[in-house]
Protein backbone atom coordinates (compact mmCIF):
# COMPACT_ATOMS: atom_id res chain seq x y z
CA MET A 1 37.92 19.84 -12.07
CA LYS A 2 34.62 20.31 -13.89
CA ASN A 3 31.55 18.23 -13.06
CA ILE A 4 29.91 16.07 -15.70
CA ASN A 5 26.25 16.80 -15.17
CA THR A 6 23.44 14.74 -16.64
CA ILE A 7 20.55 17.03 -17.50
CA ILE A 8 17.17 16.56 -19.13
CA ILE A 9 17.09 18.78 -22.22
CA GLY A 10 13.76 17.71 -23.70
CA THR A 11 10.53 16.02 -22.66
CA GLY A 12 7.51 14.63 -24.45
CA SER A 13 4.49 12.49 -23.64
CA TYR A 14 1.53 10.89 -25.30
CA ILE A 15 -1.75 10.66 -23.42
CA PRO A 16 -4.16 8.40 -25.35
CA GLU A 17 -7.34 10.02 -26.59
CA VAL A 18 -9.79 7.32 -25.44
CA LYS A 19 -11.25 8.33 -22.06
CA ILE A 20 -12.71 5.60 -19.87
CA PRO A 21 -14.66 7.10 -16.95
CA ASN A 22 -15.46 5.11 -13.82
CA GLN A 23 -19.06 4.87 -15.00
CA HIS A 24 -17.83 2.47 -17.67
CA PHE A 25 -17.48 -0.19 -14.96
CA VAL A 26 -20.79 0.29 -13.15
CA LYS A 27 -22.49 -2.68 -14.86
CA HIS A 28 -19.43 -4.96 -14.67
CA THR A 29 -19.58 -8.15 -12.63
CA PHE A 30 -16.44 -8.41 -10.54
CA TYR A 31 -15.09 -11.45 -8.71
CA GLU A 32 -12.68 -11.86 -5.80
CA LYS A 33 -9.51 -13.92 -6.25
CA ASP A 34 -11.37 -16.89 -4.74
CA GLU A 35 -13.86 -16.58 -7.65
CA THR A 36 -16.77 -15.45 -5.44
CA VAL A 37 -18.84 -12.67 -6.93
CA ILE A 38 -18.49 -9.21 -5.39
CA GLU A 39 -21.97 -8.31 -4.22
CA GLY A 40 -23.29 -4.79 -4.12
CA ASP A 41 -24.48 -1.92 -6.24
CA GLY A 42 -22.15 -1.12 -9.13
CA HIS A 43 -22.20 2.58 -8.33
CA GLU A 44 -21.12 1.87 -4.74
CA ILE A 45 -18.27 -0.38 -5.89
CA VAL A 46 -16.99 2.27 -8.26
CA GLU A 47 -17.34 5.07 -5.69
CA LYS A 48 -15.40 3.08 -3.11
CA PHE A 49 -12.70 2.46 -5.70
CA ARG A 50 -12.44 6.20 -6.42
CA ASP A 51 -12.25 7.04 -2.70
CA ILE A 52 -9.32 4.65 -2.24
CA THR A 53 -7.32 5.32 -5.41
CA GLY A 54 -8.37 8.85 -6.42
CA ILE A 55 -9.01 7.66 -9.98
CA ARG A 56 -12.00 9.19 -11.78
CA GLU A 57 -11.09 8.09 -15.29
CA ARG A 58 -8.22 6.58 -17.23
CA ARG A 59 -6.90 6.61 -20.80
CA TRP A 60 -6.72 3.63 -23.16
CA ALA A 61 -4.92 3.38 -26.46
CA LYS A 62 -6.91 3.18 -29.68
CA ASP A 63 -7.44 -0.32 -31.05
CA GLU A 64 -4.76 0.12 -33.72
CA GLN A 65 -2.14 1.54 -31.33
CA ASN A 66 0.53 -0.43 -29.49
CA ALA A 67 2.97 0.57 -26.76
CA SER A 68 5.72 1.19 -29.32
CA ASP A 69 3.39 3.54 -31.22
CA LEU A 70 2.65 5.59 -28.10
CA ALA A 71 6.36 5.65 -27.28
CA THR A 72 7.28 6.84 -30.77
CA ILE A 73 4.94 9.82 -30.49
CA ALA A 74 6.30 10.75 -27.05
CA ALA A 75 9.88 10.38 -28.33
CA GLU A 76 9.23 12.59 -31.35
CA ARG A 77 7.87 15.27 -29.05
CA ALA A 78 10.89 15.02 -26.76
CA ILE A 79 13.30 15.28 -29.70
CA ILE A 80 11.50 18.37 -30.98
CA ASP A 81 11.42 19.86 -27.48
CA ALA A 82 15.18 19.31 -27.11
CA GLY A 83 15.88 20.75 -30.56
CA ILE A 84 18.45 18.07 -31.39
CA ASP A 85 19.42 16.01 -34.42
CA ARG A 86 18.03 12.53 -33.68
CA GLU A 87 21.12 10.97 -35.27
CA THR A 88 23.16 12.24 -32.30
CA ILE A 89 21.32 9.99 -29.83
CA ASP A 90 23.70 7.36 -28.46
CA GLN A 91 21.18 5.17 -26.65
CA ILE A 92 17.45 4.54 -26.70
CA ILE A 93 16.41 3.00 -23.38
CA VAL A 94 12.79 1.87 -23.19
CA ALA A 95 11.12 0.86 -19.94
CA GLU A 96 8.25 -1.55 -20.52
CA ASN A 97 6.80 -4.70 -18.99
CA PHE A 98 4.61 -6.37 -21.61
CA GLY A 99 6.04 -5.33 -24.96
CA ASP A 100 3.45 -4.70 -27.66
CA VAL A 101 0.11 -6.41 -27.04
CA LEU A 102 -2.26 -6.40 -30.00
CA LYS A 103 -5.85 -5.44 -29.24
CA GLY A 104 -7.94 -8.56 -28.72
CA THR A 105 -4.96 -10.67 -27.64
CA ILE A 106 -3.16 -11.22 -24.37
CA GLN A 107 0.21 -12.14 -25.88
CA SER A 108 3.27 -10.01 -25.16
CA ASP A 109 5.43 -9.20 -28.19
CA ALA A 110 8.95 -7.91 -27.57
CA LEU A 111 10.61 -9.51 -30.58
CA THR A 112 12.14 -7.29 -31.67
CA SER A 113 12.54 -5.02 -28.64
CA LEU A 114 10.33 -1.96 -28.38
CA ALA A 115 13.46 0.19 -28.42
CA SER A 116 14.47 -1.26 -31.80
CA ARG A 117 10.96 -0.68 -33.13
CA ILE A 118 11.03 2.89 -31.88
CA LYS A 119 14.45 3.55 -33.43
CA HIS A 120 13.00 2.23 -36.70
CA ASN A 121 9.87 4.37 -36.36
CA LEU A 122 11.98 7.46 -35.67
CA GLY A 123 14.00 6.81 -38.82
CA ILE A 124 17.33 6.87 -36.97
CA LYS A 125 20.07 5.41 -39.21
CA ASN A 126 23.08 5.81 -36.90
CA PRO A 127 24.38 2.28 -36.15
CA SER A 128 26.04 3.59 -32.98
CA CYS A 129 22.64 4.46 -31.55
CA ILE A 130 21.97 1.41 -29.35
CA PRO A 131 18.33 0.55 -28.52
CA TYR A 132 17.33 -1.77 -25.70
CA ASP A 133 14.48 -2.46 -23.29
CA ILE A 134 14.52 -2.78 -19.51
CA ILE A 135 11.91 -4.60 -17.45
CA PHE A 136 11.89 -3.28 -13.90
CA GLY A 137 8.21 -2.94 -13.01
CA CYS A 138 6.70 0.51 -12.62
CA PRO A 139 10.09 2.06 -11.64
CA GLY A 140 11.43 1.21 -15.11
CA TRP A 141 11.67 4.76 -16.47
CA ILE A 142 13.57 5.96 -13.40
CA GLN A 143 15.87 2.95 -13.73
CA GLY A 144 16.44 3.94 -17.36
CA ILE A 145 17.37 7.45 -16.21
CA ILE A 146 19.83 6.01 -13.68
CA GLN A 147 21.40 3.83 -16.37
CA ALA A 148 21.63 6.73 -18.83
CA ASP A 149 23.27 8.86 -16.14
CA SER A 150 25.85 6.13 -15.55
CA PHE A 151 26.67 5.85 -19.25
CA ILE A 152 26.97 9.63 -19.59
CA ARG A 153 29.18 10.06 -16.52
CA SER A 154 31.44 7.22 -17.66
CA GLY A 155 31.90 8.84 -21.07
CA LEU A 156 30.26 5.95 -22.94
CA ALA A 157 27.36 8.13 -24.08
CA LYS A 158 26.76 11.81 -24.61
CA ARG A 159 23.03 11.83 -25.30
CA CYS A 160 20.29 9.30 -24.39
CA LEU A 161 16.59 8.95 -25.09
CA VAL A 162 14.76 7.33 -22.14
CA ILE A 163 11.13 6.29 -22.61
CA GLY A 164 8.46 4.68 -20.46
CA ALA A 165 5.52 3.18 -22.39
CA GLU A 166 2.79 0.70 -21.57
CA THR A 167 -0.67 -0.47 -22.69
CA LEU A 168 -1.90 -2.10 -19.50
CA SER A 169 -5.49 -2.06 -20.75
CA ARG A 170 -4.51 -5.05 -22.93
CA VAL A 171 -3.39 -7.24 -20.02
CA VAL A 172 -6.06 -6.63 -17.38
CA ASP A 173 -8.74 -9.05 -16.22
CA ILE A 174 -12.03 -7.20 -16.65
CA LYS A 175 -13.56 -9.41 -13.95
CA ASP A 176 -11.06 -8.08 -11.39
CA ARG A 177 -11.70 -4.75 -9.61
CA ASP A 178 -8.00 -3.97 -9.87
CA SER A 179 -8.45 -3.64 -13.64
CA MET A 180 -9.91 -0.18 -13.00
CA ILE A 181 -6.52 1.07 -11.80
CA PHE A 182 -4.54 0.49 -14.95
CA SER A 183 -4.19 2.66 -18.05
CA ASP A 184 -2.05 3.36 -21.11
CA GLY A 185 0.45 6.06 -21.99
CA ALA A 186 4.02 7.04 -22.80
CA GLY A 187 6.55 9.57 -21.57
CA ALA A 188 10.00 10.37 -22.98
CA THR A 189 13.06 12.40 -22.06
CA ILE A 190 16.32 13.39 -23.75
CA LEU A 191 19.33 13.37 -21.42
CA GLU A 192 22.67 14.99 -22.17
CA GLY A 193 26.03 15.31 -20.46
CA VAL A 194 27.24 18.84 -19.75
CA GLU A 195 30.52 19.89 -18.13
CA SER A 196 30.32 22.69 -15.58
CA ASP A 197 31.90 24.00 -12.39
CA GLU A 198 28.42 24.02 -10.89
CA LYS A 199 26.55 20.87 -9.84
CA PHE A 200 23.09 20.46 -11.37
CA GLY A 201 20.92 17.92 -13.16
CA ILE A 202 20.97 14.47 -11.53
CA LEU A 203 22.54 14.97 -8.11
CA SER A 204 22.12 11.52 -6.56
CA THR A 205 20.30 8.21 -6.91
CA ALA A 206 19.09 5.29 -4.79
CA MET A 207 17.90 1.78 -5.65
CA VAL A 208 16.38 -1.02 -3.55
CA SER A 209 15.14 -4.51 -4.43
CA HIS A 210 13.43 -7.19 -2.31
CA THR A 211 12.74 -10.51 -4.00
CA GLY A 212 11.68 -12.81 -1.17
CA GLU A 213 7.92 -13.15 -0.94
CA GLU A 214 7.84 -9.64 -2.39
CA ALA A 215 8.65 -11.06 -5.84
CA GLY A 216 5.10 -12.40 -5.98
CA TYR A 217 3.21 -9.24 -5.04
CA LEU A 218 2.61 -8.52 -8.74
CA TYR A 219 2.23 -11.49 -11.04
CA LEU A 220 0.35 -13.00 -13.97
CA GLY A 221 -2.63 -15.21 -13.07
CA LYS A 222 -5.88 -16.57 -14.41
CA SER A 223 -9.06 -14.50 -14.49
CA ASN A 224 -11.07 -14.20 -11.28
CA GLU A 225 -14.11 -15.38 -13.21
CA PRO A 226 -15.09 -18.98 -12.40
CA ASP A 227 -14.39 -21.53 -15.15
CA SER A 228 -12.05 -19.14 -17.00
CA ASP A 229 -9.22 -20.62 -19.04
CA PRO A 230 -6.24 -21.09 -16.65
CA LYS A 231 -3.83 -20.87 -19.59
CA ILE A 232 -4.81 -17.25 -20.26
CA ARG A 233 -3.18 -15.03 -17.66
CA TYR A 234 -3.61 -11.39 -16.69
CA ILE A 235 -1.82 -8.87 -14.49
CA LYS A 236 -2.65 -9.48 -10.82
CA MET A 237 -1.54 -7.86 -7.60
CA LEU A 238 -1.70 -8.30 -3.84
CA GLY A 239 -2.84 -4.76 -3.11
CA ARG A 240 -2.55 -4.80 0.68
CA LYS A 241 0.94 -6.34 0.55
CA ILE A 242 2.10 -3.73 -1.99
CA TYR A 243 0.65 -0.92 0.13
CA GLU A 244 2.41 -2.13 3.30
CA TYR A 245 5.69 -2.75 1.48
CA SER A 246 5.64 0.67 -0.17
CA LEU A 247 5.00 2.51 3.08
CA SER A 248 7.76 0.67 4.90
CA GLN A 249 10.43 0.83 2.18
CA VAL A 250 9.95 3.74 -0.24
CA PRO A 251 10.40 6.66 2.22
CA ALA A 252 13.75 5.24 3.37
CA ALA A 253 15.00 4.91 -0.21
CA MET A 254 13.96 8.49 -0.95
CA LYS A 255 15.84 9.61 2.16
CA VAL A 256 18.99 7.80 1.01
CA ALA A 257 18.85 9.66 -2.31
CA LEU A 258 18.28 13.03 -0.65
CA ASP A 259 20.98 12.48 1.98
CA LYS A 260 23.50 11.56 -0.75
CA SER A 261 22.70 14.81 -2.58
CA GLY A 262 23.49 16.95 0.46
CA ILE A 263 20.34 19.00 -0.16
CA PRO A 264 18.23 19.88 2.92
CA ILE A 265 14.65 18.68 2.70
CA GLU A 266 13.39 22.24 3.09
CA GLN A 267 14.77 23.01 -0.38
CA VAL A 268 12.78 20.27 -2.14
CA HIS A 269 10.28 21.90 -4.49
CA LYS A 270 8.41 18.88 -5.88
CA ILE A 271 8.20 15.13 -5.35
CA LEU A 272 7.24 13.35 -8.56
CA ILE A 273 6.22 9.90 -7.40
CA HIS A 274 4.80 6.99 -9.41
CA GLN A 275 1.06 7.51 -9.79
CA ALA A 276 -0.06 4.21 -8.29
CA ASN A 277 -2.75 5.07 -5.78
CA GLU A 278 -3.47 8.52 -4.38
CA LYS A 279 -3.80 7.46 -0.75
CA MET A 280 -0.69 5.28 -0.93
CA ASP A 281 1.37 8.06 -2.52
CA GLU A 282 0.22 10.56 0.10
CA ALA A 283 1.13 8.15 2.89
CA ILE A 284 4.59 7.51 1.38
CA VAL A 285 5.39 11.22 1.16
CA GLN A 286 4.06 11.87 4.68
CA ARG A 287 6.30 9.10 6.06
CA PHE A 288 9.23 10.48 4.09
CA TYR A 289 8.85 13.87 5.76
CA LYS A 290 8.42 12.25 9.18
CA LEU A 291 11.90 10.74 8.75
CA PHE A 292 13.09 14.37 8.93
CA LYS A 293 10.82 15.11 11.93
CA ILE A 294 8.45 17.13 9.74
CA ARG A 295 4.73 16.38 10.17
CA GLU A 296 3.13 18.99 7.92
CA LEU A 297 3.64 18.56 4.18
CA PRO A 298 4.55 21.64 2.15
CA VAL A 299 1.74 22.94 -0.05
CA ASN A 300 1.62 21.41 -3.56
CA ILE A 301 4.69 19.26 -2.91
CA MET A 302 3.21 16.19 -4.64
CA PRO A 303 1.64 16.72 -8.09
CA MET A 304 -0.94 14.10 -9.07
CA SER A 305 -2.15 13.04 -12.50
CA ILE A 306 -3.77 9.75 -11.47
CA HIS A 307 -7.24 11.27 -11.11
CA ASP A 308 -7.73 11.58 -14.86
CA LEU A 309 -4.97 9.36 -16.29
CA GLY A 310 -4.94 6.31 -14.01
CA ASN A 311 -1.84 4.19 -13.44
CA SER A 312 0.12 3.77 -16.68
CA SER A 313 3.08 2.09 -14.94
CA VAL A 314 6.43 3.23 -16.39
CA ALA A 315 4.76 6.16 -18.15
CA THR A 316 3.34 7.90 -15.08
CA VAL A 317 6.42 9.78 -13.86
CA PRO A 318 7.79 11.07 -17.20
CA THR A 319 4.26 12.03 -18.27
CA LEU A 320 3.73 13.92 -15.02
CA TYR A 321 7.05 15.74 -15.43
CA ASP A 322 6.23 16.70 -19.02
CA MET A 323 2.77 17.95 -18.03
CA ILE A 324 4.23 20.27 -15.41
CA LEU A 325 6.92 21.63 -17.72
CA LYS A 326 4.34 22.17 -20.48
CA LYS A 327 2.03 23.88 -17.96
CA THR A 328 -0.87 21.48 -18.50
CA LEU A 329 -1.16 20.47 -14.82
CA PRO A 330 -2.92 23.26 -12.89
CA ASP A 331 -1.29 24.78 -9.80
CA HIS A 332 2.13 23.25 -10.43
CA HIS A 333 5.27 24.69 -11.99
CA ILE A 334 9.00 23.96 -12.13
CA ASN A 335 11.62 26.69 -12.48
CA LYS A 336 15.37 26.75 -12.99
CA GLY A 337 17.18 25.81 -9.80
CA ASP A 338 14.25 23.89 -8.29
CA ILE A 339 15.08 20.67 -6.45
CA LEU A 340 12.96 17.68 -7.45
CA ILE A 341 12.76 14.13 -6.13
CA PHE A 342 11.65 11.42 -8.57
CA ALA A 343 10.61 8.11 -6.97
CA SER A 344 8.83 4.89 -7.87
CA VAL A 345 7.94 1.43 -6.59
CA GLY A 346 6.67 -1.63 -8.42
CA ALA A 347 6.96 -5.25 -9.48
CA GLY A 348 10.09 -6.95 -8.33
CA MET A 349 9.58 -5.55 -5.78
CA ASN A 350 11.80 -2.70 -6.87
CA ILE A 351 12.22 0.86 -5.64
CA ASN A 352 14.31 3.73 -6.97
CA ALA A 353 14.69 7.47 -6.68
CA PHE A 354 16.84 10.34 -7.88
CA VAL A 355 17.32 13.94 -6.85
CA TYR A 356 17.40 16.49 -9.64
CA LYS A 357 18.29 20.18 -9.83
CA GLN A 358 16.34 21.72 -12.67
CA GLN A 359 18.27 23.54 -15.40
């Protein structure tokens, strides 16, 4: 009996043109969550931030661009890369968390859904092409991939467009140091079902969710600035809690996915993990390998784009994958037959991963 394999046949991404270097924040006044001012030289604050996160600069969308605009560009590039007729797409799955947020506002707009806006922007007329959004925190794009794989394997879809897009620069509190982490961007992939005697494409998946106190690790809250309007809320996070949670939970989820695939860890070529924080990502991957009694990480196992692109939430992983395939990330490459692990963690708290054999 032939396998129904879900493979990625096209990728595309959009990295906004506006570069915001760390120096942009040197003269900012930052406050703690208790509204006390953070004392110290601006250069020292920014340098400490870079040492912890690895971020040197980030990208922000132009004033006239929204998340759906970034996503449309990335989707167009993925469609061209795949060489398909866009009218043959059965589903458009868009991972996002804040919808479109107009520059100068803090209001989320997801009416209509970003997926419907993107279908409109792409000019797709096929009424059987179903667009919808998923909100799953930073792991949203991977969750979209898992959903697309399920639809394809069940025979309910043949071809899916999965996008991750966000403009986090519109929902950050500029008086909060954490605002320096976040950025904008979009990544897109075309998935297709292929029958074959051989097993390739998506080999296995894993998903985990904890919603006890973990549900409040990322939230919307008032500005850290004293006397700010409590009715205006921004993205907030409990950084230490997220770090501890990620280190304790993500490696195990990755191991579940790899064990289900039957692939030995020695055959893993790359781990494409959500670009959240360089030190956190390194610690996650190190703990993952320790679960297999391996203490030394393979060379170049974990590509990183966070240094120049920051954390664009759902867009980080598909953008990273596209950059490697398009050979725009130095020292990294992916060839046919390579085994990849995709993994992410974020608001929920949610975790997911999948193992992929490149075609």
